[in-house]
N, C-alpha and C. Protein backbone atom coordinates (compact mmCIF):
# COMPACT_ATOMS: atom_id res chain seq x y z
N MET A 1 93.92 109.55 75.23
CA MET A 1 94.99 109.58 74.25
C MET A 1 96.22 110.23 74.87
N LEU A 2 97.37 109.70 74.54
CA LEU A 2 98.62 110.18 75.09
C LEU A 2 99.00 111.52 74.46
N ASN A 3 99.35 112.46 75.30
CA ASN A 3 99.74 113.77 74.85
C ASN A 3 101.20 113.71 74.37
N ARG A 4 101.45 114.26 73.20
CA ARG A 4 102.80 114.24 72.63
C ARG A 4 103.78 115.05 73.48
N LEU A 5 103.29 116.08 74.14
CA LEU A 5 104.14 116.90 74.98
C LEU A 5 104.69 116.10 76.17
N ALA A 6 103.90 115.17 76.69
CA ALA A 6 104.37 114.32 77.79
C ALA A 6 105.56 113.48 77.35
N LEU A 7 105.47 112.92 76.17
CA LEU A 7 106.56 112.10 75.64
C LEU A 7 107.79 112.95 75.34
N GLU A 8 107.59 114.14 74.81
CA GLU A 8 108.72 115.03 74.51
C GLU A 8 109.43 115.48 75.78
N ASN A 9 108.69 115.72 76.86
CA ASN A 9 109.32 116.11 78.11
C ASN A 9 110.21 115.00 78.64
N LEU A 10 109.81 113.76 78.44
CA LEU A 10 110.64 112.64 78.88
C LEU A 10 111.85 112.45 77.96
N ARG A 11 111.68 112.69 76.68
CA ARG A 11 112.79 112.57 75.72
C ARG A 11 113.83 113.66 75.92
N ARG A 12 113.40 114.80 76.44
CA ARG A 12 114.31 115.92 76.62
C ARG A 12 115.40 115.61 77.65
N SER A 13 115.08 114.79 78.63
CA SER A 13 116.07 114.42 79.64
C SER A 13 116.09 112.90 79.80
N PRO A 14 116.75 112.21 78.88
CA PRO A 14 116.72 110.74 78.91
C PRO A 14 117.38 110.13 80.15
N LEU A 15 118.42 110.77 80.67
CA LEU A 15 119.08 110.21 81.85
C LEU A 15 118.15 110.26 83.07
N GLN A 16 117.48 111.39 83.27
CA GLN A 16 116.54 111.49 84.39
C GLN A 16 115.39 110.51 84.22
N THR A 17 114.91 110.37 83.00
CA THR A 17 113.83 109.42 82.74
C THR A 17 114.29 108.00 83.06
N PHE A 18 115.48 107.65 82.60
CA PHE A 18 116.03 106.32 82.87
C PHE A 18 116.18 106.08 84.36
N LEU A 19 116.72 107.06 85.08
CA LEU A 19 116.92 106.90 86.52
C LEU A 19 115.59 106.78 87.26
N ASN A 20 114.56 107.49 86.82
CA ASN A 20 113.24 107.35 87.43
C ASN A 20 112.67 105.96 87.18
N VAL A 21 112.84 105.44 85.98
CA VAL A 21 112.37 104.09 85.66
C VAL A 21 113.11 103.07 86.52
N VAL A 22 114.42 103.22 86.66
CA VAL A 22 115.21 102.29 87.47
C VAL A 22 114.81 102.38 88.94
N ALA A 23 114.56 103.59 89.46
CA ALA A 23 114.14 103.73 90.85
C ALA A 23 112.82 103.00 91.10
N ILE A 24 111.90 103.13 90.17
CA ILE A 24 110.62 102.44 90.31
C ILE A 24 110.83 100.93 90.20
N ALA A 25 111.69 100.50 89.29
CA ALA A 25 111.97 99.07 89.13
C ALA A 25 112.57 98.49 90.40
N VAL A 26 113.49 99.21 91.02
CA VAL A 26 114.10 98.73 92.27
C VAL A 26 113.05 98.65 93.37
N GLU A 27 112.19 99.66 93.46
CA GLU A 27 111.14 99.64 94.47
C GLU A 27 110.22 98.43 94.27
N VAL A 28 109.78 98.20 93.05
CA VAL A 28 108.90 97.06 92.76
C VAL A 28 109.63 95.75 93.05
N THR A 29 110.89 95.65 92.67
CA THR A 29 111.66 94.43 92.92
C THR A 29 111.77 94.14 94.41
N LEU A 30 112.09 95.15 95.19
CA LEU A 30 112.22 94.95 96.63
C LEU A 30 110.90 94.53 97.27
N ILE A 31 109.83 95.17 96.86
CA ILE A 31 108.52 94.82 97.42
C ILE A 31 108.16 93.38 97.05
N LEU A 32 108.31 93.03 95.77
CA LEU A 32 107.96 91.68 95.33
C LEU A 32 108.87 90.62 95.95
N THR A 33 110.14 90.94 96.10
CA THR A 33 111.07 89.98 96.70
C THR A 33 110.73 89.71 98.16
N LEU A 34 110.50 90.76 98.92
CA LEU A 34 110.21 90.58 100.34
C LEU A 34 108.85 89.92 100.56
N VAL A 35 107.87 90.27 99.75
CA VAL A 35 106.56 89.60 99.85
C VAL A 35 106.71 88.14 99.44
N GLY A 36 107.48 87.87 98.40
CA GLY A 36 107.70 86.50 97.95
C GLY A 36 108.42 85.66 98.99
N ILE A 37 109.35 86.27 99.71
CA ILE A 37 110.03 85.55 100.79
C ILE A 37 109.03 85.20 101.88
N GLY A 38 108.16 86.15 102.20
CA GLY A 38 107.12 85.88 103.20
C GLY A 38 106.23 84.73 102.78
N TYR A 39 105.82 84.71 101.51
CA TYR A 39 104.98 83.62 100.99
C TYR A 39 105.74 82.30 100.99
N GLY A 40 107.00 82.34 100.58
CA GLY A 40 107.79 81.12 100.51
C GLY A 40 108.02 80.50 101.87
N LEU A 41 108.19 81.33 102.88
CA LEU A 41 108.42 80.82 104.22
C LEU A 41 107.15 80.24 104.83
N ASP A 42 105.99 80.72 104.39
CA ASP A 42 104.73 80.14 104.86
C ASP A 42 104.54 78.72 104.36
N LEU A 43 105.10 78.42 103.19
CA LEU A 43 104.93 77.09 102.60
C LEU A 43 105.75 76.02 103.32
N HIS A 44 106.90 76.40 103.88
CA HIS A 44 107.79 75.44 104.54
C HIS A 44 108.22 75.99 105.90
N PRO A 45 107.30 76.01 106.87
CA PRO A 45 107.64 76.63 108.15
C PRO A 45 108.57 75.77 109.01
N ASN A 46 109.49 76.42 109.67
CA ASN A 46 110.26 75.87 110.78
C ASN A 46 110.71 77.07 111.60
N VAL A 47 111.43 76.86 112.67
CA VAL A 47 111.77 77.95 113.59
C VAL A 47 112.62 79.02 112.90
N VAL A 48 113.66 78.61 112.19
CA VAL A 48 114.56 79.56 111.55
C VAL A 48 113.81 80.35 110.48
N ARG A 49 113.03 79.66 109.68
CA ARG A 49 112.30 80.32 108.61
C ARG A 49 111.23 81.26 109.17
N THR A 50 110.63 80.90 110.30
CA THR A 50 109.65 81.79 110.93
C THR A 50 110.32 83.07 111.40
N MET A 51 111.52 82.96 111.95
CA MET A 51 112.26 84.15 112.36
C MET A 51 112.66 84.99 111.15
N VAL A 52 113.11 84.32 110.09
CA VAL A 52 113.48 85.04 108.87
C VAL A 52 112.27 85.75 108.31
N ARG A 53 111.10 85.12 108.36
CA ARG A 53 109.87 85.74 107.86
C ARG A 53 109.56 87.01 108.65
N GLY A 54 109.73 86.95 109.96
CA GLY A 54 109.51 88.14 110.78
C GLY A 54 110.44 89.27 110.40
N TYR A 55 111.71 88.93 110.21
CA TYR A 55 112.68 89.94 109.78
C TYR A 55 112.34 90.47 108.39
N ALA A 56 111.89 89.59 107.52
CA ALA A 56 111.52 90.01 106.15
C ALA A 56 110.34 90.98 106.19
N LEU A 57 109.38 90.75 107.07
CA LEU A 57 108.23 91.66 107.16
C LEU A 57 108.65 93.03 107.72
N ILE A 58 109.53 93.02 108.69
CA ILE A 58 110.04 94.29 109.22
C ILE A 58 110.83 95.02 108.13
N LEU A 59 111.65 94.28 107.42
CA LEU A 59 112.44 94.86 106.33
C LEU A 59 111.53 95.37 105.23
N LEU A 60 110.44 94.67 104.96
CA LEU A 60 109.48 95.11 103.94
C LEU A 60 108.92 96.48 104.30
N GLY A 61 108.54 96.66 105.55
CA GLY A 61 108.03 97.97 105.97
C GLY A 61 109.07 99.06 105.81
N PHE A 62 110.29 98.79 106.21
CA PHE A 62 111.36 99.77 106.08
C PHE A 62 111.66 100.07 104.62
N VAL A 63 111.79 99.03 103.81
CA VAL A 63 112.10 99.21 102.40
C VAL A 63 110.97 99.95 101.70
N PHE A 64 109.74 99.62 102.05
CA PHE A 64 108.60 100.31 101.46
C PHE A 64 108.70 101.81 101.73
N GLY A 65 108.97 102.18 102.97
CA GLY A 65 109.06 103.60 103.31
C GLY A 65 110.19 104.30 102.59
N VAL A 66 111.36 103.69 102.59
CA VAL A 66 112.52 104.31 101.95
C VAL A 66 112.33 104.40 100.44
N SER A 67 111.88 103.33 99.82
CA SER A 67 111.72 103.36 98.36
C SER A 67 110.60 104.30 97.94
N PHE A 68 109.53 104.35 98.72
CA PHE A 68 108.44 105.28 98.41
C PHE A 68 108.95 106.72 98.47
N LEU A 69 109.72 107.03 99.50
CA LEU A 69 110.29 108.38 99.61
C LEU A 69 111.28 108.67 98.49
N THR A 70 112.08 107.69 98.11
CA THR A 70 113.05 107.89 97.03
C THR A 70 112.36 108.21 95.72
N VAL A 71 111.33 107.44 95.38
CA VAL A 71 110.60 107.69 94.14
C VAL A 71 109.90 109.04 94.20
N THR A 72 109.29 109.35 95.34
CA THR A 72 108.59 110.63 95.49
C THR A 72 109.55 111.80 95.36
N ILE A 73 110.67 111.73 96.01
CA ILE A 73 111.64 112.82 95.96
C ILE A 73 112.24 112.95 94.56
N GLY A 74 112.47 111.82 93.90
CA GLY A 74 113.00 111.86 92.54
C GLY A 74 112.07 112.58 91.58
N ARG A 75 110.79 112.23 91.62
CA ARG A 75 109.82 112.91 90.75
C ARG A 75 109.64 114.37 91.17
N TYR A 76 109.69 114.63 92.46
CA TYR A 76 109.57 116.01 92.95
C TYR A 76 110.68 116.87 92.37
N ALA A 77 111.90 116.35 92.38
CA ALA A 77 113.03 117.12 91.86
C ALA A 77 112.88 117.37 90.36
N VAL A 78 112.45 116.36 89.62
CA VAL A 78 112.30 116.51 88.17
C VAL A 78 111.24 117.55 87.84
N VAL A 79 110.11 117.50 88.51
CA VAL A 79 109.02 118.44 88.21
C VAL A 79 109.35 119.83 88.75
N SER A 80 110.05 119.92 89.87
CA SER A 80 110.42 121.24 90.42
C SER A 80 111.30 122.01 89.45
N GLU A 81 112.15 121.30 88.72
CA GLU A 81 113.02 121.95 87.74
C GLU A 81 112.22 122.52 86.57
N ARG A 82 110.99 122.11 86.44
CA ARG A 82 110.18 122.54 85.29
C ARG A 82 109.14 123.59 85.67
N THR A 83 109.36 124.32 86.73
CA THR A 83 108.43 125.37 87.14
C THR A 83 108.27 126.40 86.03
N ARG A 84 109.35 126.75 85.39
CA ARG A 84 109.29 127.73 84.30
C ARG A 84 108.48 127.18 83.12
N ASP A 85 108.66 125.90 82.80
CA ASP A 85 107.87 125.29 81.72
C ASP A 85 106.37 125.32 82.04
N ILE A 86 106.06 125.06 83.29
CA ILE A 86 104.65 125.10 83.72
C ILE A 86 104.12 126.53 83.59
N GLY A 87 104.95 127.51 83.94
CA GLY A 87 104.55 128.90 83.78
C GLY A 87 104.30 129.27 82.32
N ILE A 88 105.14 128.78 81.43
CA ILE A 88 104.96 129.05 79.99
C ILE A 88 103.66 128.42 79.50
N LEU A 89 103.38 127.21 79.93
CA LEU A 89 102.12 126.57 79.55
C LEU A 89 100.92 127.36 80.06
N ARG A 90 101.03 127.85 81.28
CA ARG A 90 99.94 128.68 81.83
C ARG A 90 99.78 129.96 81.02
N PHE A 91 100.90 130.58 80.64
CA PHE A 91 100.87 131.81 79.86
C PHE A 91 100.20 131.57 78.50
N LEU A 92 100.44 130.39 77.93
CA LEU A 92 99.85 130.05 76.64
C LEU A 92 98.38 129.63 76.75
N GLY A 93 97.86 129.58 77.97
CA GLY A 93 96.44 129.30 78.15
C GLY A 93 96.10 127.91 78.64
N ALA A 94 97.10 127.13 79.02
CA ALA A 94 96.82 125.78 79.51
C ALA A 94 96.16 125.86 80.89
N SER A 95 95.14 125.06 81.08
CA SER A 95 94.45 125.03 82.37
C SER A 95 95.25 124.19 83.36
N SER A 96 94.93 124.34 84.62
CA SER A 96 95.59 123.54 85.66
C SER A 96 95.35 122.06 85.43
N SER A 97 94.13 121.71 85.04
CA SER A 97 93.82 120.29 84.81
C SER A 97 94.63 119.74 83.63
N TYR A 98 94.87 120.55 82.62
CA TYR A 98 95.67 120.11 81.47
C TYR A 98 97.11 119.82 81.93
N ILE A 99 97.67 120.71 82.74
CA ILE A 99 99.04 120.54 83.21
C ILE A 99 99.15 119.32 84.12
N LEU A 100 98.20 119.14 85.03
CA LEU A 100 98.22 117.98 85.91
C LEU A 100 98.02 116.68 85.11
N ASN A 101 97.17 116.71 84.09
CA ASN A 101 96.97 115.55 83.23
C ASN A 101 98.26 115.22 82.49
N LEU A 102 98.97 116.24 82.04
CA LEU A 102 100.24 116.04 81.36
C LEU A 102 101.25 115.35 82.28
N LEU A 103 101.32 115.79 83.53
CA LEU A 103 102.22 115.17 84.50
C LEU A 103 101.78 113.75 84.84
N PHE A 104 100.49 113.52 84.89
CA PHE A 104 99.96 112.18 85.12
C PHE A 104 100.40 111.23 84.00
N GLN A 105 100.30 111.70 82.76
CA GLN A 105 100.70 110.88 81.62
C GLN A 105 102.20 110.60 81.65
N GLU A 106 103.00 111.60 81.99
CA GLU A 106 104.44 111.40 82.10
C GLU A 106 104.75 110.35 83.16
N THR A 107 104.06 110.44 84.28
CA THR A 107 104.29 109.50 85.36
C THR A 107 103.93 108.07 84.93
N LEU A 108 102.82 107.93 84.22
CA LEU A 108 102.45 106.60 83.72
C LEU A 108 103.49 106.06 82.74
N LEU A 109 104.05 106.95 81.93
CA LEU A 109 105.08 106.52 80.97
C LEU A 109 106.37 106.07 81.68
N ILE A 110 106.53 106.48 82.92
CA ILE A 110 107.69 106.05 83.70
C ILE A 110 107.34 104.82 84.53
N VAL A 111 106.13 104.79 85.09
CA VAL A 111 105.75 103.71 86.01
C VAL A 111 105.56 102.37 85.28
N VAL A 112 104.95 102.37 84.11
CA VAL A 112 104.67 101.10 83.42
C VAL A 112 105.96 100.35 83.08
N PRO A 113 106.94 100.99 82.41
CA PRO A 113 108.18 100.22 82.16
C PRO A 113 108.95 99.93 83.44
N GLY A 114 108.88 100.83 84.43
CA GLY A 114 109.56 100.58 85.70
C GLY A 114 108.99 99.37 86.42
N THR A 115 107.66 99.25 86.42
CA THR A 115 107.02 98.10 87.05
C THR A 115 107.35 96.81 86.30
N THR A 116 107.33 96.88 84.98
CA THR A 116 107.66 95.71 84.16
C THR A 116 109.10 95.25 84.42
N LEU A 117 110.02 96.20 84.45
CA LEU A 117 111.42 95.88 84.74
C LEU A 117 111.56 95.34 86.16
N GLY A 118 110.81 95.90 87.09
CA GLY A 118 110.86 95.43 88.48
C GLY A 118 110.37 94.00 88.62
N ILE A 119 109.34 93.64 87.87
CA ILE A 119 108.84 92.25 87.89
C ILE A 119 109.91 91.31 87.33
N ALA A 120 110.55 91.71 86.25
CA ALA A 120 111.61 90.89 85.68
C ALA A 120 112.78 90.75 86.66
N MET A 121 113.11 91.82 87.34
CA MET A 121 114.19 91.78 88.32
C MET A 121 113.83 90.90 89.51
N ALA A 122 112.54 90.82 89.85
CA ALA A 122 112.11 89.94 90.95
C ALA A 122 112.37 88.48 90.60
N TYR A 123 112.23 88.12 89.32
CA TYR A 123 112.60 86.77 88.90
C TYR A 123 114.10 86.55 89.07
N GLY A 124 114.87 87.60 88.82
CA GLY A 124 116.32 87.50 89.03
C GLY A 124 116.68 87.30 90.49
N THR A 125 115.99 88.00 91.39
CA THR A 125 116.26 87.80 92.82
C THR A 125 115.82 86.41 93.26
N LYS A 126 114.74 85.89 92.67
CA LYS A 126 114.29 84.53 92.99
C LYS A 126 115.38 83.53 92.62
N TRP A 127 115.95 83.69 91.44
CA TRP A 127 117.02 82.80 91.00
C TRP A 127 118.23 82.93 91.93
N LEU A 128 118.59 84.17 92.27
CA LEU A 128 119.75 84.40 93.13
C LEU A 128 119.54 83.78 94.51
N ILE A 129 118.35 83.94 95.06
CA ILE A 129 118.06 83.37 96.38
C ILE A 129 118.08 81.84 96.31
N GLU A 130 117.52 81.26 95.26
CA GLU A 130 117.55 79.80 95.10
C GLU A 130 118.99 79.30 94.96
N PHE A 131 119.83 80.07 94.31
CA PHE A 131 121.21 79.67 94.09
C PHE A 131 122.04 79.81 95.36
N ALA A 132 121.87 80.91 96.09
CA ALA A 132 122.76 81.21 97.20
C ALA A 132 122.19 80.85 98.58
N LEU A 133 120.90 80.94 98.77
CA LEU A 133 120.33 80.81 100.12
C LEU A 133 119.21 79.77 100.19
N SER A 134 119.23 78.78 99.36
CA SER A 134 118.09 77.85 99.28
C SER A 134 117.85 77.09 100.57
N ASP A 135 118.85 76.93 101.43
CA ASP A 135 118.65 76.22 102.69
C ASP A 135 117.90 77.05 103.72
N PHE A 136 117.97 78.37 103.60
CA PHE A 136 117.39 79.24 104.61
C PHE A 136 116.14 79.98 104.15
N VAL A 137 116.13 80.39 102.89
CA VAL A 137 115.08 81.29 102.40
C VAL A 137 114.49 80.73 101.11
N ILE A 138 113.19 80.84 100.98
CA ILE A 138 112.50 80.47 99.75
C ILE A 138 111.71 81.69 99.31
N GLN A 139 111.85 82.05 98.04
CA GLN A 139 111.07 83.16 97.51
C GLN A 139 110.08 82.62 96.49
N GLU A 140 108.83 82.93 96.70
CA GLU A 140 107.79 82.62 95.72
C GLU A 140 107.51 83.87 94.91
N ILE A 141 107.03 83.71 93.71
CA ILE A 141 106.59 84.86 92.92
C ILE A 141 105.14 85.14 93.29
N ALA A 142 104.91 86.28 93.87
CA ALA A 142 103.57 86.67 94.34
C ALA A 142 102.87 87.45 93.23
N TYR A 143 102.20 86.72 92.36
CA TYR A 143 101.58 87.33 91.18
C TYR A 143 100.54 88.38 91.55
N LYS A 144 99.79 88.12 92.60
CA LYS A 144 98.74 89.09 92.96
C LYS A 144 99.32 90.39 93.49
N TRP A 145 100.61 90.41 93.83
CA TRP A 145 101.25 91.64 94.30
C TRP A 145 101.81 92.49 93.16
N TRP A 146 101.82 91.97 91.94
CA TRP A 146 102.33 92.77 90.82
C TRP A 146 101.59 94.09 90.70
N PRO A 147 100.26 94.11 90.60
CA PRO A 147 99.58 95.41 90.48
C PRO A 147 99.69 96.25 91.75
N ILE A 148 99.78 95.59 92.90
CA ILE A 148 99.89 96.35 94.16
C ILE A 148 101.23 97.08 94.21
N ALA A 149 102.31 96.38 93.85
CA ALA A 149 103.64 97.00 93.84
C ALA A 149 103.68 98.14 92.82
N GLY A 150 103.07 97.93 91.65
CA GLY A 150 103.01 98.99 90.65
C GLY A 150 102.21 100.18 91.13
N ALA A 151 101.11 99.92 91.83
CA ALA A 151 100.27 101.02 92.35
C ALA A 151 101.00 101.80 93.44
N ILE A 152 101.74 101.10 94.28
CA ILE A 152 102.52 101.78 95.32
C ILE A 152 103.55 102.71 94.67
N SER A 153 104.24 102.21 93.66
CA SER A 153 105.23 103.02 92.95
C SER A 153 104.58 104.20 92.24
N ALA A 154 103.44 103.94 91.62
CA ALA A 154 102.72 105.00 90.91
C ALA A 154 102.26 106.08 91.89
N ALA A 155 101.80 105.67 93.06
CA ALA A 155 101.34 106.65 94.06
C ALA A 155 102.50 107.56 94.50
N GLY A 156 103.66 106.97 94.74
CA GLY A 156 104.82 107.78 95.12
C GLY A 156 105.25 108.72 94.01
N ALA A 157 105.26 108.22 92.78
CA ALA A 157 105.67 109.06 91.64
C ALA A 157 104.65 110.16 91.39
N LEU A 158 103.36 109.84 91.50
CA LEU A 158 102.33 110.88 91.30
C LEU A 158 102.38 111.94 92.39
N LEU A 159 102.59 111.51 93.63
CA LEU A 159 102.70 112.48 94.72
C LEU A 159 103.89 113.40 94.48
N GLY A 160 105.00 112.82 94.05
CA GLY A 160 106.19 113.62 93.77
C GLY A 160 106.03 114.55 92.59
N ALA A 161 105.13 114.24 91.66
CA ALA A 161 104.92 115.11 90.49
C ALA A 161 103.86 116.16 90.76
N ILE A 162 102.82 115.80 91.48
CA ILE A 162 101.69 116.72 91.67
C ILE A 162 102.02 117.83 92.66
N LEU A 163 102.75 117.51 93.72
CA LEU A 163 103.04 118.54 94.72
C LEU A 163 103.80 119.74 94.15
N PRO A 164 104.93 119.57 93.44
CA PRO A 164 105.61 120.75 92.90
C PRO A 164 104.80 121.43 91.80
N ALA A 165 104.02 120.67 91.05
CA ALA A 165 103.18 121.28 90.02
C ALA A 165 102.11 122.15 90.67
N TRP A 166 101.52 121.67 91.73
CA TRP A 166 100.51 122.45 92.44
C TRP A 166 101.13 123.73 93.00
N LEU A 167 102.35 123.64 93.54
CA LEU A 167 103.03 124.83 94.04
C LEU A 167 103.34 125.80 92.91
N ALA A 168 103.76 125.28 91.76
CA ALA A 168 104.07 126.14 90.61
C ALA A 168 102.80 126.80 90.08
N LEU A 169 101.70 126.09 90.11
CA LEU A 169 100.44 126.66 89.63
C LEU A 169 99.93 127.76 90.55
N ARG A 170 100.31 127.73 91.80
CA ARG A 170 99.86 128.74 92.75
C ARG A 170 100.72 130.01 92.72
N GLN A 171 101.92 129.92 92.14
CA GLN A 171 102.81 131.08 92.10
C GLN A 171 102.30 132.10 91.08
N ASP A 172 102.72 133.34 91.31
CA ASP A 172 102.38 134.40 90.37
C ASP A 172 103.06 134.13 89.04
N LEU A 173 102.29 134.23 87.97
CA LEU A 173 102.78 133.89 86.63
C LEU A 173 103.97 134.77 86.24
N MET A 174 103.93 136.04 86.53
CA MET A 174 105.03 136.94 86.16
C MET A 174 106.30 136.60 86.93
N HIS A 175 106.15 136.19 88.20
CA HIS A 175 107.30 135.81 89.00
C HIS A 175 107.96 134.54 88.43
N VAL A 176 107.15 133.58 88.04
CA VAL A 176 107.66 132.32 87.48
C VAL A 176 108.39 132.58 86.16
N LEU A 177 107.81 133.41 85.30
CA LEU A 177 108.40 133.65 83.99
C LEU A 177 109.63 134.55 84.06
N SER A 178 109.73 135.38 85.08
CA SER A 178 110.86 136.30 85.16
C SER A 178 112.05 135.68 85.89
N SER A 179 111.88 134.53 86.52
CA SER A 179 112.99 133.92 87.25
C SER A 179 114.03 133.42 86.26
N LYS A 180 115.29 133.52 86.69
CA LYS A 180 116.42 133.14 85.84
C LYS A 180 116.68 131.65 85.96
N ASP A 181 117.00 131.01 84.82
CA ASP A 181 117.43 129.61 84.83
C ASP A 181 118.90 129.58 85.14
N GLU A 182 119.34 128.53 85.82
CA GLU A 182 120.76 128.38 86.15
C GLU A 182 121.50 127.77 85.02
C-alpha cells in the first residue's frame, strides 16, 4: 500500500517532482529512440545505414551513461536536502527500513509517469525522424525495451535516493536535528 507521506513529500515540491519526471522521460525517450534506430536499420541494411547504426550504438552507450548519471544526481540532490526530515522521522521512531521504503515509493511515483511520458515522447521522435530523416534513418518502436528503459531509469533514481538516505541514517541523530536549514 502506498504511504501517504511519500505522496506528500512529492506534493511539497512540485517543481522538483516535475523536473525529476521529465529527466526520467528524456532518459527513456533517448534509450528507446536509439534502440529503435538500431532495430530500424537492421530491417533495411545498406552501407550508410550500417554506419549510422554503429554511430547510434556508440551514442546509445554515451547517452545511457549521461542520462543515468543525470537521473541519479537529480534524485541524490532532492534526497540530500531532506536529511533533516529523515532525522525527524528517526527521532519519531521510524526504522531505517521504513525510511528506505518511503523513498522507494517516492521513486516509483516519479518513475512510472516518467517512463510513460518517455514512451509517448519516443513516438514523437519516431514521427520526427520519419518526417525529417526518412531517407537515412528508420526508427522502429522497440516494445520489448519499454520495461528495460523503465528499469534503467528506476535503477538510477533508486541509487540516487538510497545513497544520501543511507548517509543520513548513519549520521548522529542530534547532529542532524541541530543543523540549521538555509
